Amino acid sequence: MGMKKEQAAFGEHLRRALRKAGLSESATELADLVSWAGGDAVTVQAAHNWIRGRTMPRRQNLKALAGALKISPEALYGDAPDAAELTAGASIRANRAPGARDRQTIDAYLALPPKRRRLVGELVAALGDGHANGGGL
């Protein structure tokens, strides 16, 4: 698969994963989500290019993104066949799906202005420091 095709497929998988997670295709929210999930800070333009399938994130940000969306990085890249992606996704969601309370917290977080989101992100990162990186949120 050529680079352009790979990028387009990535954008498609990313948009599908955002919809499944109940998130919008907002580049601003995606950029915030990546840094909130432990990735490097990215520009809104970079996030927009991922969504549109023009570029792909670096490994660190891909892992953060996949973790936040509760899917494997392979599923985002399209390396996983759809059936495997659905099965893996279902079992991960069953174990780590946010409950109603988590969803309210996430919605409240998403309603915050960017400066406050960064503050919450820093707090979450600080609280998670003592845990293994794979510990999730």
N, C-alpha and C. Protein backbone atom coordinates (compact mmCIF):
# COMPACT_ATOMS: atom_id res chain seq x y z
N MET A 1 0.87 -1.19 0.00
CA MET A 1 0.00 0.00 0.00
C MET A 1 0.90 1.23 0.00
N GLY A 2 0.67 2.16 -0.92
CA GLY A 2 1.47 3.38 -1.01
C GLY A 2 1.20 4.30 0.17
N MET A 3 2.11 5.25 0.37
CA MET A 3 1.99 6.16 1.51
C MET A 3 0.69 6.95 1.49
N LYS A 4 0.32 7.48 0.32
CA LYS A 4 -0.92 8.25 0.21
C LYS A 4 -2.13 7.39 0.59
N LYS A 5 -2.15 6.15 0.08
CA LYS A 5 -3.25 5.23 0.37
C LYS A 5 -3.28 4.90 1.86
N GLU A 6 -2.09 4.69 2.43
CA GLU A 6 -1.98 4.35 3.85
C GLU A 6 -2.51 5.50 4.71
N GLN A 7 -2.17 6.73 4.34
CA GLN A 7 -2.64 7.91 5.07
C GLN A 7 -4.16 8.05 4.96
N ALA A 8 -4.68 7.81 3.76
CA ALA A 8 -6.13 7.91 3.56
C ALA A 8 -6.85 6.86 4.39
N ALA A 9 -6.30 5.63 4.41
CA ALA A 9 -6.90 4.55 5.21
C ALA A 9 -6.84 4.90 6.69
N PHE A 10 -5.72 5.48 7.12
CA PHE A 10 -5.58 5.88 8.53
C PHE A 10 -6.67 6.89 8.89
N GLY A 11 -6.86 7.90 8.03
CA GLY A 11 -7.87 8.92 8.29
C GLY A 11 -9.26 8.31 8.42
N GLU A 12 -9.54 7.36 7.54
CA GLU A 12 -10.84 6.68 7.57
C GLU A 12 -11.02 5.89 8.87
N HIS A 13 -9.99 5.14 9.27
CA HIS A 13 -10.07 4.36 10.51
C HIS A 13 -10.18 5.28 11.72
N LEU A 14 -9.47 6.40 11.69
CA LEU A 14 -9.52 7.35 12.79
C LEU A 14 -10.93 7.94 12.92
N ARG A 15 -11.51 8.35 11.79
CA ARG A 15 -12.87 8.92 11.84
C ARG A 15 -13.87 7.90 12.37
N ARG A 16 -13.74 6.64 11.93
CA ARG A 16 -14.63 5.59 12.41
C ARG A 16 -14.46 5.38 13.92
N ALA A 17 -13.21 5.36 14.38
CA ALA A 17 -12.92 5.16 15.81
C ALA A 17 -13.47 6.32 16.65
N LEU A 18 -13.37 7.54 16.14
CA LEU A 18 -13.91 8.70 16.86
C LEU A 18 -15.43 8.58 16.98
N ARG A 19 -16.09 8.17 15.88
CA ARG A 19 -17.56 8.01 15.92
C ARG A 19 -17.95 6.93 16.92
N LYS A 20 -17.22 5.79 16.87
CA LYS A 20 -17.52 4.69 17.80
C LYS A 20 -17.37 5.12 19.25
N ALA A 21 -16.40 6.00 19.49
CA ALA A 21 -16.14 6.48 20.85
C ALA A 21 -17.10 7.61 21.24
N GLY A 22 -17.97 8.00 20.31
CA GLY A 22 -18.93 9.06 20.59
C GLY A 22 -18.31 10.44 20.58
N LEU A 23 -17.18 10.59 19.88
CA LEU A 23 -16.50 11.88 19.81
C LEU A 23 -16.71 12.52 18.45
N SER A 24 -16.56 13.83 18.40
CA SER A 24 -16.72 14.53 17.12
C SER A 24 -15.43 14.45 16.32
N GLU A 25 -15.49 14.87 15.08
CA GLU A 25 -14.29 14.90 14.24
C GLU A 25 -13.64 16.28 14.34
N SER A 26 -13.66 16.86 15.52
CA SER A 26 -13.05 18.17 15.74
C SER A 26 -11.54 18.03 15.91
N ALA A 27 -10.78 18.75 15.08
CA ALA A 27 -9.32 18.70 15.17
C ALA A 27 -8.85 19.25 16.51
N THR A 28 -9.54 20.27 17.03
CA THR A 28 -9.18 20.86 18.32
C THR A 28 -9.34 19.82 19.43
N GLU A 29 -10.47 19.11 19.43
CA GLU A 29 -10.70 18.09 20.45
C GLU A 29 -9.71 16.95 20.30
N LEU A 30 -9.39 16.59 19.06
CA LEU A 30 -8.44 15.50 18.83
C LEU A 30 -7.05 15.88 19.34
N ALA A 31 -6.62 17.10 19.06
CA ALA A 31 -5.31 17.58 19.55
C ALA A 31 -5.27 17.54 21.07
N ASP A 32 -6.38 17.98 21.71
CA ASP A 32 -6.45 17.94 23.18
C ASP A 32 -6.44 16.51 23.69
N LEU A 33 -7.16 15.63 22.99
CA LEU A 33 -7.26 14.23 23.40
C LEU A 33 -5.89 13.57 23.40
N VAL A 34 -5.08 13.85 22.38
CA VAL A 34 -3.74 13.25 22.28
C VAL A 34 -2.88 13.65 23.46
N SER A 35 -2.83 14.95 23.78
CA SER A 35 -1.97 15.37 24.89
C SER A 35 -2.56 14.91 26.22
N TRP A 36 -3.89 14.88 26.31
CA TRP A 36 -4.57 14.41 27.52
C TRP A 36 -4.25 12.93 27.76
N ALA A 37 -4.08 12.18 26.67
CA ALA A 37 -3.83 10.73 26.77
C ALA A 37 -2.34 10.41 26.88
N GLY A 38 -1.52 11.43 27.03
CA GLY A 38 -0.10 11.19 27.25
C GLY A 38 0.78 11.32 26.02
N GLY A 39 0.22 11.78 24.91
CA GLY A 39 1.03 11.99 23.71
C GLY A 39 1.72 13.34 23.76
N ASP A 40 2.51 13.63 22.73
CA ASP A 40 3.15 14.94 22.63
C ASP A 40 2.09 15.96 22.20
N ALA A 41 2.29 17.21 22.59
CA ALA A 41 1.38 18.27 22.15
C ALA A 41 1.42 18.36 20.63
N VAL A 42 0.26 18.44 20.01
CA VAL A 42 0.19 18.59 18.55
C VAL A 42 -0.65 19.80 18.21
N THR A 43 -0.39 20.37 17.04
CA THR A 43 -1.18 21.51 16.60
C THR A 43 -2.54 21.04 16.11
N VAL A 44 -3.49 21.95 16.10
CA VAL A 44 -4.82 21.64 15.57
C VAL A 44 -4.70 21.27 14.09
N GLN A 45 -3.77 21.94 13.38
CA GLN A 45 -3.55 21.65 11.95
C GLN A 45 -3.08 20.20 11.76
N ALA A 46 -2.16 19.76 12.63
CA ALA A 46 -1.66 18.38 12.53
C ALA A 46 -2.81 17.39 12.75
N ALA A 47 -3.63 17.64 13.77
CA ALA A 47 -4.77 16.76 14.06
C ALA A 47 -5.75 16.76 12.89
N HIS A 48 -5.95 17.93 12.29
CA HIS A 48 -6.84 18.05 11.13
C HIS A 48 -6.31 17.18 9.97
N ASN A 49 -5.00 17.21 9.75
CA ASN A 49 -4.39 16.42 8.69
C ASN A 49 -4.54 14.91 8.93
N TRP A 50 -4.52 14.49 10.20
CA TRP A 50 -4.74 13.07 10.52
C TRP A 50 -6.17 12.68 10.15
N ILE A 51 -7.12 13.50 10.61
CA ILE A 51 -8.54 13.22 10.37
C ILE A 51 -8.83 13.15 8.86
N ARG A 52 -8.21 14.04 8.10
CA ARG A 52 -8.42 14.09 6.65
C ARG A 52 -7.59 13.06 5.90
N GLY A 53 -6.73 12.32 6.60
CA GLY A 53 -5.93 11.30 5.94
C GLY A 53 -4.78 11.85 5.12
N ARG A 54 -4.28 13.02 5.51
CA ARG A 54 -3.16 13.63 4.78
C ARG A 54 -1.82 13.24 5.38
N THR A 55 -1.79 13.07 6.69
CA THR A 55 -0.57 12.66 7.39
C THR A 55 -0.95 11.68 8.48
N MET A 56 0.07 11.06 9.09
CA MET A 56 -0.18 10.12 10.19
C MET A 56 0.68 10.54 11.39
N PRO A 57 0.18 10.25 12.59
CA PRO A 57 0.93 10.66 13.78
C PRO A 57 2.19 9.82 14.00
N ARG A 58 3.13 10.38 14.75
CA ARG A 58 4.30 9.61 15.16
C ARG A 58 3.86 8.54 16.14
N ARG A 59 4.73 7.56 16.35
CA ARG A 59 4.43 6.39 17.18
C ARG A 59 3.86 6.77 18.56
N GLN A 60 4.51 7.69 19.26
CA GLN A 60 4.07 8.09 20.61
C GLN A 60 2.63 8.59 20.59
N ASN A 61 2.31 9.43 19.61
CA ASN A 61 0.96 9.98 19.52
C ASN A 61 -0.04 8.95 19.03
N LEU A 62 0.41 8.04 18.18
CA LEU A 62 -0.48 6.96 17.72
C LEU A 62 -0.89 6.09 18.91
N LYS A 63 0.10 5.77 19.77
CA LYS A 63 -0.20 4.94 20.93
C LYS A 63 -1.15 5.65 21.89
N ALA A 64 -0.92 6.96 22.10
CA ALA A 64 -1.79 7.74 22.98
C ALA A 64 -3.21 7.79 22.42
N LEU A 65 -3.30 8.01 21.12
CA LEU A 65 -4.58 8.10 20.43
C LEU A 65 -5.34 6.77 20.53
N ALA A 66 -4.64 5.68 20.22
CA ALA A 66 -5.26 4.35 20.28
C ALA A 66 -5.74 4.05 21.71
N GLY A 67 -4.91 4.40 22.69
CA GLY A 67 -5.29 4.18 24.09
C GLY A 67 -6.53 4.96 24.47
N ALA A 68 -6.59 6.21 24.06
CA ALA A 68 -7.73 7.07 24.38
C ALA A 68 -9.00 6.57 23.70
N LEU A 69 -8.85 6.01 22.49
CA LEU A 69 -10.01 5.52 21.73
C LEU A 69 -10.31 4.06 22.02
N LYS A 70 -9.51 3.45 22.91
CA LYS A 70 -9.71 2.06 23.34
C LYS A 70 -9.65 1.06 22.18
N ILE A 71 -8.71 1.30 21.25
CA ILE A 71 -8.48 0.34 20.17
C ILE A 71 -6.98 0.13 20.00
N SER A 72 -6.60 -0.86 19.24
CA SER A 72 -5.17 -1.13 19.05
C SER A 72 -4.61 -0.16 18.02
N PRO A 73 -3.32 0.20 18.15
CA PRO A 73 -2.70 1.04 17.13
C PRO A 73 -2.80 0.38 15.74
N GLU A 74 -2.74 -0.95 15.70
CA GLU A 74 -2.84 -1.68 14.43
C GLU A 74 -4.20 -1.45 13.77
N ALA A 75 -5.24 -1.38 14.59
CA ALA A 75 -6.58 -1.15 14.04
C ALA A 75 -6.66 0.24 13.41
N LEU A 76 -5.96 1.22 13.99
CA LEU A 76 -5.94 2.57 13.41
C LEU A 76 -5.16 2.58 12.10
N TYR A 77 -4.06 1.84 12.08
CA TYR A 77 -3.26 1.79 10.86
C TYR A 77 -3.92 0.96 9.79
N GLY A 78 -4.87 0.10 10.20
CA GLY A 78 -5.54 -0.75 9.23
C GLY A 78 -4.80 -2.06 9.01
N ASP A 79 -3.81 -2.37 9.89
CA ASP A 79 -3.09 -3.63 9.77
C ASP A 79 -3.93 -4.80 10.26
N ALA A 80 -4.89 -4.50 11.13
CA ALA A 80 -5.73 -5.56 11.68
C ALA A 80 -6.92 -5.76 10.75
N PRO A 81 -7.24 -7.01 10.41
CA PRO A 81 -8.45 -7.22 9.60
C PRO A 81 -9.68 -6.77 10.38
N ASP A 82 -10.71 -6.35 9.66
CA ASP A 82 -11.89 -5.79 10.33
C ASP A 82 -12.49 -6.71 11.38
N ALA A 83 -12.58 -8.00 11.08
CA ALA A 83 -13.18 -8.94 12.04
C ALA A 83 -12.38 -8.95 13.34
N ALA A 84 -11.06 -9.01 13.21
CA ALA A 84 -10.20 -9.02 14.39
C ALA A 84 -10.33 -7.70 15.14
N GLU A 85 -10.43 -6.62 14.39
CA GLU A 85 -10.57 -5.29 15.00
C GLU A 85 -11.85 -5.23 15.83
N LEU A 86 -12.93 -5.75 15.26
CA LEU A 86 -14.21 -5.71 15.96
C LEU A 86 -14.18 -6.57 17.22
N THR A 87 -13.61 -7.77 17.13
CA THR A 87 -13.54 -8.66 18.29
C THR A 87 -12.66 -8.06 19.37
N ALA A 88 -11.47 -7.60 18.98
CA ALA A 88 -10.55 -7.00 19.95
C ALA A 88 -11.20 -5.76 20.56
N GLY A 89 -11.80 -4.93 19.71
CA GLY A 89 -12.45 -3.72 20.20
C GLY A 89 -13.56 -4.03 21.18
N ALA A 90 -14.35 -5.05 20.89
CA ALA A 90 -15.47 -5.40 21.77
C ALA A 90 -14.96 -5.86 23.13
N SER A 91 -13.90 -6.69 23.14
CA SER A 91 -13.43 -7.19 24.42
C SER A 91 -12.76 -6.07 25.22
N ILE A 92 -12.04 -5.16 24.55
CA ILE A 92 -11.42 -4.04 25.26
C ILE A 92 -12.52 -3.14 25.81
N ARG A 93 -13.54 -2.87 24.99
CA ARG A 93 -14.62 -2.01 25.45
C ARG A 93 -15.36 -2.62 26.63
N ALA A 94 -15.53 -3.94 26.60
CA ALA A 94 -16.24 -4.60 27.69
C ALA A 94 -15.47 -4.44 29.00
N ASN A 95 -14.14 -4.50 28.93
CA ASN A 95 -13.32 -4.40 30.13
C ASN A 95 -13.08 -2.97 30.57
N ARG A 96 -13.01 -2.04 29.60
CA ARG A 96 -12.59 -0.69 29.95
C ARG A 96 -13.56 0.39 29.51
N ALA A 97 -14.75 -0.02 29.12
CA ALA A 97 -15.72 0.97 28.65
C ALA A 97 -16.06 1.93 29.79
N PRO A 98 -16.10 3.23 29.49
CA PRO A 98 -16.46 4.17 30.55
C PRO A 98 -17.92 3.99 30.94
N GLY A 99 -18.18 4.01 32.23
CA GLY A 99 -19.55 3.93 32.72
C GLY A 99 -20.21 5.29 32.57
N ALA A 100 -21.45 5.40 33.03
CA ALA A 100 -22.20 6.66 32.92
C ALA A 100 -21.46 7.80 33.63
N ARG A 101 -20.89 7.50 34.78
CA ARG A 101 -20.18 8.53 35.54
C ARG A 101 -18.93 9.01 34.80
N ASP A 102 -18.19 8.04 34.22
CA ASP A 102 -17.01 8.39 33.43
C ASP A 102 -17.41 9.25 32.24
N ARG A 103 -18.51 8.86 31.58
CA ARG A 103 -18.97 9.59 30.40
C ARG A 103 -19.33 11.03 30.78
N GLN A 104 -19.97 11.22 31.95
CA GLN A 104 -20.32 12.58 32.42
C GLN A 104 -19.04 13.39 32.64
N THR A 105 -18.03 12.74 33.23
CA THR A 105 -16.76 13.41 33.49
C THR A 105 -16.10 13.81 32.17
N ILE A 106 -16.11 12.89 31.19
CA ILE A 106 -15.52 13.18 29.89
C ILE A 106 -16.27 14.32 29.21
N ASP A 107 -17.60 14.29 29.26
CA ASP A 107 -18.40 15.36 28.66
C ASP A 107 -18.10 16.70 29.32
N ALA A 108 -17.97 16.69 30.65
CA ALA A 108 -17.66 17.93 31.38
C ALA A 108 -16.28 18.43 30.96
N TYR A 109 -15.33 17.51 30.83
CA TYR A 109 -13.98 17.87 30.39
C TYR A 109 -14.02 18.49 29.00
N LEU A 110 -14.75 17.88 28.08
CA LEU A 110 -14.82 18.37 26.70
C LEU A 110 -15.51 19.73 26.61
N ALA A 111 -16.34 20.06 27.61
CA ALA A 111 -17.04 21.35 27.62
C ALA A 111 -16.14 22.47 28.15
N LEU A 112 -15.01 22.13 28.75
CA LEU A 112 -14.11 23.14 29.30
C LEU A 112 -13.39 23.90 28.19
N PRO A 113 -13.03 25.16 28.48
CA PRO A 113 -12.18 25.88 27.52
C PRO A 113 -10.79 25.25 27.48
N PRO A 114 -10.06 25.40 26.35
CA PRO A 114 -8.76 24.73 26.16
C PRO A 114 -7.77 24.90 27.32
N LYS A 115 -7.68 26.10 27.89
CA LYS A 115 -6.73 26.34 28.99
C LYS A 115 -7.04 25.44 30.18
N ARG A 116 -8.33 25.32 30.50
CA ARG A 116 -8.72 24.48 31.64
C ARG A 116 -8.54 23.00 31.31
N ARG A 117 -8.76 22.63 30.03
CA ARG A 117 -8.52 21.24 29.63
C ARG A 117 -7.07 20.86 29.85
N ARG A 118 -6.18 21.80 29.48
CA ARG A 118 -4.74 21.53 29.67
C ARG A 118 -4.45 21.31 31.15
N LEU A 119 -5.06 22.14 32.00
CA LEU A 119 -4.86 22.02 33.44
C LEU A 119 -5.34 20.64 33.93
N VAL A 120 -6.52 20.23 33.47
CA VAL A 120 -7.05 18.91 33.85
C VAL A 120 -6.12 17.82 33.33
N GLY A 121 -5.64 17.97 32.09
CA GLY A 121 -4.70 17.01 31.50
C GLY A 121 -3.45 16.87 32.34
N GLU A 122 -2.91 18.02 32.81
CA GLU A 122 -1.71 18.00 33.66
C GLU A 122 -2.00 17.29 34.98
N LEU A 123 -3.18 17.55 35.53
CA LEU A 123 -3.56 16.90 36.79
C LEU A 123 -3.67 15.39 36.61
N VAL A 124 -4.33 14.96 35.53
CA VAL A 124 -4.48 13.53 35.25
C VAL A 124 -3.10 12.89 35.06
N ALA A 125 -2.24 13.58 34.32
CA ALA A 125 -0.88 13.07 34.09
C ALA A 125 -0.13 12.95 35.42
N ALA A 126 -0.26 13.96 36.26
CA ALA A 126 0.43 13.94 37.56
C ALA A 126 -0.11 12.82 38.44
N LEU A 127 -1.41 12.63 38.44
CA LEU A 127 -2.01 11.56 39.25
C LEU A 127 -1.61 10.19 38.74
N GLY A 128 -1.41 10.07 37.43
CA GLY A 128 -1.07 8.79 36.83
C GLY A 128 0.41 8.47 36.86
N ASP A 129 1.24 9.42 37.33
CA ASP A 129 2.69 9.24 37.28
C ASP A 129 3.20 8.00 37.97
N GLY A 130 2.56 7.59 39.04
CA GLY A 130 3.04 6.45 39.78
C GLY A 130 2.68 5.12 39.15
N HIS A 131 1.90 5.15 38.06
CA HIS A 131 1.42 3.90 37.46
C HIS A 131 2.14 3.59 36.17
N ALA A 132 2.05 2.35 35.75
CA ALA A 132 2.63 1.94 34.46
C ALA A 132 1.95 2.73 33.35
N ASN A 133 2.67 2.97 32.26
CA ASN A 133 2.13 3.76 31.15
C ASN A 133 0.85 3.17 30.57
N GLY A 134 0.73 1.86 30.58
CA GLY A 134 -0.45 1.21 30.00
C GLY A 134 -1.65 1.27 30.92
N GLY A 135 -1.54 1.97 32.05
CA GLY A 135 -2.60 1.99 33.04
C GLY A 135 -3.84 2.74 32.62
N GLY A 136 -3.82 3.37 31.49
CA GLY A 136 -5.01 4.08 31.01
C GLY A 136 -5.19 5.38 31.76
N LEU A 137 -6.44 5.84 31.84
CA LEU A 137 -6.71 7.11 32.47
C LEU A 137 -6.89 6.85 33.94
